[in-house]
């Protein structure tokens, strides 16, 4: 994850909220951390699949654009 710095920022915000009695905000930020982590993971997985030649139809492509099946 190249952009996981955003999780550090969200965690800092959540910690601030917890320490200052902002419980609803802290809970929302905890949920947001989970959503962001999942999105980053899914995006990174999609990028890896693309680099490996697996396309949206689930078919691996060989160089030249021909199906591997």
PDB file of N, CA and C in Angstrom:
ATOM      1  N   UNK A   1       0.837  -1.180   0.000  1.00  0.00           N
ATOM      2  CA  UNK A   1       0.000   0.000   0.000  1.00  0.00           C
ATOM      3  C   UNK A   1       0.881   1.242   0.000  1.00  0.00           C
ATOM      4  N   UNK A   2       0.857   1.959  -1.050  1.00  0.00           N
ATOM      5  CA  UNK A   2       1.638   3.192  -1.121  1.00  0.00           C
ATOM      6  C   UNK A   2       0.943   4.347  -0.417  1.00  0.00           C
ATOM      7  N   UNK A   3      -0.353   4.285  -0.315  1.00  0.00           N
ATOM      8  CA  UNK A   3      -1.114   5.396   0.266  1.00  0.00           C
ATOM      9  C   UNK A   3      -1.648   5.079   1.651  1.00  0.00           C
ATOM     10  N   UNK A   4      -0.969   4.172   2.365  1.00  0.00           N
ATOM     11  CA  UNK A   4      -1.466   3.821   3.691  1.00  0.00           C
ATOM     12  C   UNK A   4      -1.222   4.915   4.724  1.00  0.00           C
ATOM     13  N   UNK A   5      -0.544   6.005   4.324  1.00  0.00           N
ATOM     14  CA  UNK A   5      -0.374   7.149   5.227  1.00  0.00           C
ATOM     15  C   UNK A   5      -1.717   7.681   5.685  1.00  0.00           C
ATOM     16  N   UNK A   6      -2.734   7.547   4.847  1.00  0.00           N
ATOM     17  CA  UNK A   6      -4.054   8.060   5.206  1.00  0.00           C
ATOM     18  C   UNK A   6      -4.597   7.327   6.425  1.00  0.00           C
ATOM     19  N   UNK A   7      -4.227   6.057   6.584  1.00  0.00           N
ATOM     20  CA  UNK A   7      -4.665   5.311   7.769  1.00  0.00           C
ATOM     21  C   UNK A   7      -4.022   5.880   9.034  1.00  0.00           C
ATOM     22  N   UNK A   8      -2.786   6.317   8.942  1.00  0.00           N
ATOM     23  CA  UNK A   8      -2.125   6.955  10.088  1.00  0.00           C
ATOM     24  C   UNK A   8      -2.844   8.242  10.482  1.00  0.00           C
ATOM     25  N   UNK A   9      -3.237   9.022   9.496  1.00  0.00           N
ATOM     26  CA  UNK A   9      -3.949  10.272   9.762  1.00  0.00           C
ATOM     27  C   UNK A   9      -5.288   9.985  10.425  1.00  0.00           C
ATOM     28  N   UNK A  10      -6.024   9.032   9.874  1.00  0.00           N
ATOM     29  CA  UNK A  10      -7.329   8.686  10.443  1.00  0.00           C
ATOM     30  C   UNK A  10      -7.196   8.142  11.863  1.00  0.00           C
ATOM     31  N   UNK A  11      -6.159   7.350  12.105  1.00  0.00           N
ATOM     32  CA  UNK A  11      -5.918   6.816  13.446  1.00  0.00           C
ATOM     33  C   UNK A  11      -5.609   7.941  14.427  1.00  0.00           C
ATOM     34  N   UNK A  12      -4.803   8.903  13.997  1.00  0.00           N
ATOM     35  CA  UNK A  12      -4.506  10.060  14.850  1.00  0.00           C
ATOM     36  C   UNK A  12      -5.785  10.840  15.177  1.00  0.00           C
ATOM     37  N   UNK A  13      -6.624  11.025  14.182  1.00  0.00           N
ATOM     38  CA  UNK A  13      -7.886  11.725  14.417  1.00  0.00           C
ATOM     39  C   UNK A  13      -8.775  10.948  15.385  1.00  0.00           C
ATOM     40  N   UNK A  14      -8.823   9.633  15.217  1.00  0.00           N
ATOM     41  CA  UNK A  14      -9.622   8.802  16.113  1.00  0.00           C
ATOM     42  C   UNK A  14      -9.103   8.884  17.545  1.00  0.00           C
ATOM     43  N   UNK A  15      -7.780   8.840  17.701  1.00  0.00           N
ATOM     44  CA  UNK A  15      -7.182   8.943  19.027  1.00  0.00           C
ATOM     45  C   UNK A  15      -7.532  10.282  19.669  1.00  0.00           C
ATOM     46  N   UNK A  16      -7.437  11.358  18.897  1.00  0.00           N
ATOM     47  CA  UNK A  16      -7.812  12.671  19.404  1.00  0.00           C
ATOM     48  C   UNK A  16      -9.273  12.672  19.857  1.00  0.00           C
ATOM     49  N   UNK A  17     -10.143  12.120  19.031  1.00  0.00           N
ATOM     50  CA  UNK A  17     -11.565  12.088  19.358  1.00  0.00           C
ATOM     51  C   UNK A  17     -11.806  11.302  20.648  1.00  0.00           C
ATOM     52  N   UNK A  18     -11.158  10.149  20.780  1.00  0.00           N
ATOM     53  CA  UNK A  18     -11.314   9.336  21.988  1.00  0.00           C
ATOM     54  C   UNK A  18     -10.842  10.091  23.228  1.00  0.00           C
ATOM     55  N   UNK A  19      -9.706  10.746  23.119  1.00  0.00           N
ATOM     56  CA  UNK A  19      -9.118  11.455  24.259  1.00  0.00           C
ATOM     57  C   UNK A  19      -9.902  12.702  24.647  1.00  0.00           C
ATOM     58  N   UNK A  20     -10.738  13.174  23.768  1.00  0.00           N
ATOM     59  CA  UNK A  20     -11.493  14.394  24.029  1.00  0.00           C
ATOM     60  C   UNK A  20     -12.987  14.155  24.144  1.00  0.00           C
ATOM     61  N   UNK A  21     -13.369  12.913  24.389  1.00  0.00           N
ATOM     62  CA  UNK A  21     -14.761  12.590  24.650  1.00  0.00           C
ATOM     63  C   UNK A  21     -15.681  12.657  23.454  1.00  0.00           C
ATOM     64  N   UNK A  22     -15.124  12.601  22.268  1.00  0.00           N
ATOM     65  CA  UNK A  22     -15.936  12.641  21.049  1.00  0.00           C
ATOM     66  C   UNK A  22     -16.195  11.203  20.590  1.00  0.00           C
ATOM     67  N   UNK A  23     -16.985  10.489  21.362  1.00  0.00           N
ATOM     68  CA  UNK A  23     -17.140   9.047  21.154  1.00  0.00           C
ATOM     69  C   UNK A  23     -17.773   8.695  19.809  1.00  0.00           C
ATOM     70  N   UNK A  24     -18.775   9.446  19.395  1.00  0.00           N
ATOM     71  CA  UNK A  24     -19.412   9.149  18.110  1.00  0.00           C
ATOM     72  C   UNK A  24     -18.426   9.368  16.971  1.00  0.00           C
ATOM     73  N   UNK A  25     -17.676  10.445  17.043  1.00  0.00           N
ATOM     74  CA  UNK A  25     -16.666  10.715  16.013  1.00  0.00           C
ATOM     75  C   UNK A  25     -15.598   9.627  16.021  1.00  0.00           C
ATOM     76  N   UNK A  26     -15.173   9.197  17.204  1.00  0.00           N
ATOM     77  CA  UNK A  26     -14.163   8.143  17.303  1.00  0.00           C
ATOM     78  C   UNK A  26     -14.665   6.851  16.670  1.00  0.00           C
ATOM     79  N   UNK A  27     -15.929   6.522  16.916  1.00  0.00           N
ATOM     80  CA  UNK A  27     -16.505   5.311  16.325  1.00  0.00           C
ATOM     81  C   UNK A  27     -16.586   5.428  14.804  1.00  0.00           C
ATOM     82  N   UNK A  28     -16.986   6.585  14.310  1.00  0.00           N
ATOM     83  CA  UNK A  28     -17.080   6.802  12.868  1.00  0.00           C
ATOM     84  C   UNK A  28     -15.701   6.724  12.225  1.00  0.00           C
ATOM     85  N   UNK A  29     -14.712   7.288  12.882  1.00  0.00           N
ATOM     86  CA  UNK A  29     -13.351   7.236  12.344  1.00  0.00           C
ATOM     87  C   UNK A  29     -12.804   5.814  12.342  1.00  0.00           C
ATOM     88  N   UNK A  30     -13.158   5.027  13.341  1.00  0.00           N
ATOM     89  CA  UNK A  30     -12.742   3.619  13.358  1.00  0.00           C
ATOM     90  C   UNK A  30     -13.358   2.887  12.164  1.00  0.00           C
ATOM     91  N   UNK A  31     -14.636   3.146  11.909  1.00  0.00           N
ATOM     92  CA  UNK A  31     -15.292   2.542  10.746  1.00  0.00           C
ATOM     93  C   UNK A  31     -14.646   3.018   9.447  1.00  0.00           C
ATOM     94  N   UNK A  32     -14.327   4.302   9.393  1.00  0.00           N
ATOM     95  CA  UNK A  32     -13.698   4.866   8.200  1.00  0.00           C
ATOM     96  C   UNK A  32     -12.347   4.217   7.939  1.00  0.00           C
ATOM     97  N   UNK A  33     -11.584   3.956   8.994  1.00  0.00           N
ATOM     98  CA  UNK A  33     -10.296   3.262   8.839  1.00  0.00           C
ATOM     99  C   UNK A  33     -10.486   1.905   8.169  1.00  0.00           C
ATOM    100  N   UNK A  34     -11.503   1.179   8.582  1.00  0.00           N
ATOM    101  CA  UNK A  34     -11.769  -0.132   7.980  1.00  0.00           C
ATOM    102  C   UNK A  34     -12.138  -0.010   6.512  1.00  0.00           C
ATOM    103  N   UNK A  35     -12.969   0.962   6.191  1.00  0.00           N
ATOM    104  CA  UNK A  35     -13.397   1.165   4.800  1.00  0.00           C
ATOM    105  C   UNK A  35     -12.205   1.547   3.927  1.00  0.00           C
ATOM    106  N   UNK A  36     -11.385   2.474   4.404  1.00  0.00           N
ATOM    107  CA  UNK A  36     -10.227   2.919   3.629  1.00  0.00           C
ATOM    108  C   UNK A  36      -9.246   1.770   3.430  1.00  0.00           C
ATOM    109  N   UNK A  37      -8.996   0.996   4.483  1.00  0.00           N
ATOM    110  CA  UNK A  37      -8.080  -0.142   4.364  1.00  0.00           C
ATOM    111  C   UNK A  37      -8.589  -1.139   3.329  1.00  0.00           C
ATOM    112  N   UNK A  38      -9.886  -1.403   3.340  1.00  0.00           N
ATOM    113  CA  UNK A  38     -10.468  -2.337   2.366  1.00  0.00           C
ATOM    114  C   UNK A  38     -10.360  -1.787   0.949  1.00  0.00           C
ATOM    115  N   UNK A  39     -10.659  -0.508   0.782  1.00  0.00           N
ATOM    116  CA  UNK A  39     -10.575   0.088  -0.557  1.00  0.00           C
ATOM    117  C   UNK A  39      -9.153   0.099  -1.083  1.00  0.00           C
ATOM    118  N   UNK A  40      -8.196   0.447  -0.224  1.00  0.00           N
ATOM    119  CA  UNK A  40      -6.803   0.438  -0.648  1.00  0.00           C
ATOM    120  C   UNK A  40      -6.361  -0.972  -1.035  1.00  0.00           C
ATOM    121  N   UNK A  41      -6.779  -1.937  -0.247  1.00  0.00           N
ATOM    122  CA  UNK A  41      -6.418  -3.323  -0.531  1.00  0.00           C
ATOM    123  C   UNK A  41      -7.019  -3.787  -1.857  1.00  0.00           C
ATOM    124  N   UNK A  42      -8.293  -3.479  -2.065  1.00  0.00           N
ATOM    125  CA  UNK A  42      -8.964  -3.872  -3.315  1.00  0.00           C
ATOM    126  C   UNK A  42      -8.324  -3.199  -4.518  1.00  0.00           C
ATOM    127  N   UNK A  43      -7.998  -1.930  -4.370  1.00  0.00           N
ATOM    128  CA  UNK A  43      -7.369  -1.207  -5.474  1.00  0.00           C
ATOM    129  C   UNK A  43      -5.993  -1.779  -5.781  1.00  0.00           C
ATOM    130  N   UNK A  44      -5.221  -2.064  -4.731  1.00  0.00           N
ATOM    131  CA  UNK A  44      -3.896  -2.635  -4.937  1.00  0.00           C
ATOM    132  C   UNK A  44      -3.988  -4.028  -5.555  1.00  0.00           C
ATOM    133  N   UNK A  45      -4.974  -4.809  -5.138  1.00  0.00           N
ATOM    134  CA  UNK A  45      -5.158  -6.150  -5.702  1.00  0.00           C
ATOM    135  C   UNK A  45      -5.530  -6.062  -7.181  1.00  0.00           C
ATOM    136  N   UNK A  46      -6.388  -5.103  -7.520  1.00  0.00           N
ATOM    137  CA  UNK A  46      -6.772  -4.921  -8.923  1.00  0.00           C
ATOM    138  C   UNK A  46      -5.566  -4.514  -9.760  1.00  0.00           C
ATOM    139  N   UNK A  47      -4.717  -3.652  -9.212  1.00  0.00           N
ATOM    140  CA  UNK A  47      -3.517  -3.228  -9.935  1.00  0.00           C
ATOM    141  C   UNK A  47      -2.579  -4.407 -10.159  1.00  0.00           C
ATOM    142  N   UNK A  48      -2.443  -5.262  -9.152  1.00  0.00           N
ATOM    143  CA  UNK A  48      -1.586  -6.441  -9.301  1.00  0.00           C
ATOM    144  C   UNK A  48      -2.144  -7.393 -10.354  1.00  0.00           C
ATOM    145  N   UNK A  49      -3.460  -7.565 -10.352  1.00  0.00           N
ATOM    146  CA  UNK A  49      -4.083  -8.435 -11.353  1.00  0.00           C
ATOM    147  C   UNK A  49      -3.852  -7.896 -12.757  1.00  0.00           C
ATOM    148  N   UNK A  50      -3.968  -6.594 -12.902  1.00  0.00           N
ATOM    149  CA  UNK A  50      -3.759  -5.969 -14.207  1.00  0.00           C
ATOM    150  C   UNK A  50      -2.316  -6.166 -14.672  1.00  0.00           C
ATOM    151  N   UNK A  51      -1.375  -5.995 -13.741  1.00  0.00           N
ATOM    152  CA  UNK A  51       0.033  -6.188 -14.080  1.00  0.00           C
ATOM    153  C   UNK A  51       0.310  -7.633 -14.476  1.00  0.00           C
ATOM    154  N   UNK A  52      -0.420  -8.568 -13.864  1.00  0.00           N
ATOM    155  CA  UNK A  52      -0.229  -9.977 -14.169  1.00  0.00           C
ATOM    156  C   UNK A  52      -0.949 -10.384 -15.446  1.00  0.00           C
ATOM    157  N   UNK A  53      -1.756  -9.486 -15.999  1.00  0.00           N
ATOM    158  CA  UNK A  53      -2.446  -9.777 -17.247  1.00  0.00           C
ATOM    159  C   UNK A  53      -3.821 -10.376 -17.065  1.00  0.00           C
ATOM    160  N   UNK A  54      -4.376 -10.326 -15.852  1.00  0.00           N
ATOM    161  CA  UNK A  54      -5.728 -10.821 -15.619  1.00  0.00           C
ATOM    162  C   UNK A  54      -6.672  -9.633 -15.752  1.00  0.00           C
ATOM    163  N   UNK A  55      -7.627  -9.756 -16.646  1.00  0.00           N
ATOM    164  CA  UNK A  55      -8.529  -8.649 -16.941  1.00  0.00           C
ATOM    165  C   UNK A  55      -9.888  -8.873 -16.299  1.00  0.00           C
ATOM    166  N   UNK A  56     -10.747  -7.900 -16.438  1.00  0.00           N
ATOM    167  CA  UNK A  56     -12.062  -7.922 -15.812  1.00  0.00           C
ATOM    168  C   UNK A  56     -12.881  -9.157 -16.114  1.00  0.00           C
ATOM    169  N   UNK A  57     -12.634  -9.794 -17.238  1.00  0.00           N
ATOM    170  CA  UNK A  57     -13.392 -10.997 -17.579  1.00  0.00           C
ATOM    171  C   UNK A  57     -12.793 -12.241 -16.938  1.00  0.00           C
ATOM    172  N   UNK A  58     -11.705 -12.073 -16.149  1.00  0.00           N
ATOM    173  CA  UNK A  58     -11.085 -13.194 -15.457  1.00  0.00           C
ATOM    174  C   UNK A  58     -10.156 -14.013 -16.319  1.00  0.00           C
ATOM    175  N   UNK A  59      -9.943 -13.585 -17.558  1.00  0.00           N
ATOM    176  CA  UNK A  59      -9.094 -14.331 -18.481  1.00  0.00           C
ATOM    177  C   UNK A  59      -7.709 -13.705 -18.506  1.00  0.00           C
ATOM    178  N   UNK A  60      -6.703 -14.532 -18.335  1.00  0.00           N
ATOM    179  CA  UNK A  60      -5.323 -14.042 -18.416  1.00  0.00           C
ATOM    180  C   UNK A  60      -4.964 -13.838 -19.878  1.00  0.00           C
ATOM    181  N   UNK A  61      -4.303 -12.755 -20.161  1.00  0.00           N
ATOM    182  CA  UNK A  61      -3.893 -12.440 -21.524  1.00  0.00           C
ATOM    183  C   UNK A  61      -2.395 -12.651 -21.664  1.00  0.00           C
ATOM    184  N   UNK A  62      -2.027 -13.223 -22.738  1.00  0.00           N
ATOM    185  CA  UNK A  62      -0.607 -13.365 -23.070  1.00  0.00           C
ATOM    186  C   UNK A  62      -0.189 -12.141 -23.868  1.00  0.00           C
ATOM    187  N   UNK A  63       1.093 -11.932 -23.988  1.00  0.00           N
ATOM    188  CA  UNK A  63       1.524 -10.805 -24.815  1.00  0.00           C
ATOM    189  C   UNK A  63       0.964 -11.009 -26.217  1.00  0.00           C
ATOM    190  N   UNK A  64       0.540  -9.951 -26.810  1.00  0.00           N
ATOM    191  CA  UNK A  64      -0.107 -10.041 -28.112  1.00  0.00           C
ATOM    192  C   UNK A  64      -1.635 -10.001 -27.978  1.00  0.00           C
ATOM    193  N   UNK A  65      -2.138 -10.077 -26.755  1.00  0.00           N
ATOM    194  CA  UNK A  65      -3.569  -9.919 -26.519  1.00  0.00           C
ATOM    195  C   UNK A  65      -4.396 -11.177 -26.700  1.00  0.00           C
ATOM    196  N   UNK A  66      -3.772 -12.325 -26.856  1.00  0.00           N
ATOM    197  CA  UNK A  66      -4.526 -13.565 -27.037  1.00  0.00           C
ATOM    198  C   UNK A  66      -4.893 -14.167 -25.697  1.00  0.00           C
ATOM    199  N   UNK A  67      -5.990 -14.849 -25.655  1.00  0.00           N
ATOM    200  CA  UNK A  67      -6.451 -15.519 -24.439  1.00  0.00           C
ATOM    201  C   UNK A  67      -5.510 -16.644 -24.074  1.00  0.00           C
ATOM    202  N   UNK A  68      -5.315 -16.842 -22.749  1.00  0.00           N
ATOM    203  CA  UNK A  68      -4.482 -17.940 -22.267  1.00  0.00           C
ATOM    204  C   UNK A  68      -5.289 -19.218 -22.149  1.00  0.00           C
ATOM    205  N   UNK A  69      -6.577 -19.160 -22.429  1.00  0.00           N
ATOM    206  CA  UNK A  69      -7.416 -20.355 -22.285  1.00  0.00           C
ATOM    207  C   UNK A  69      -7.481 -21.171 -23.553  1.00  0.00           C
TER     208      UNK A  69
END
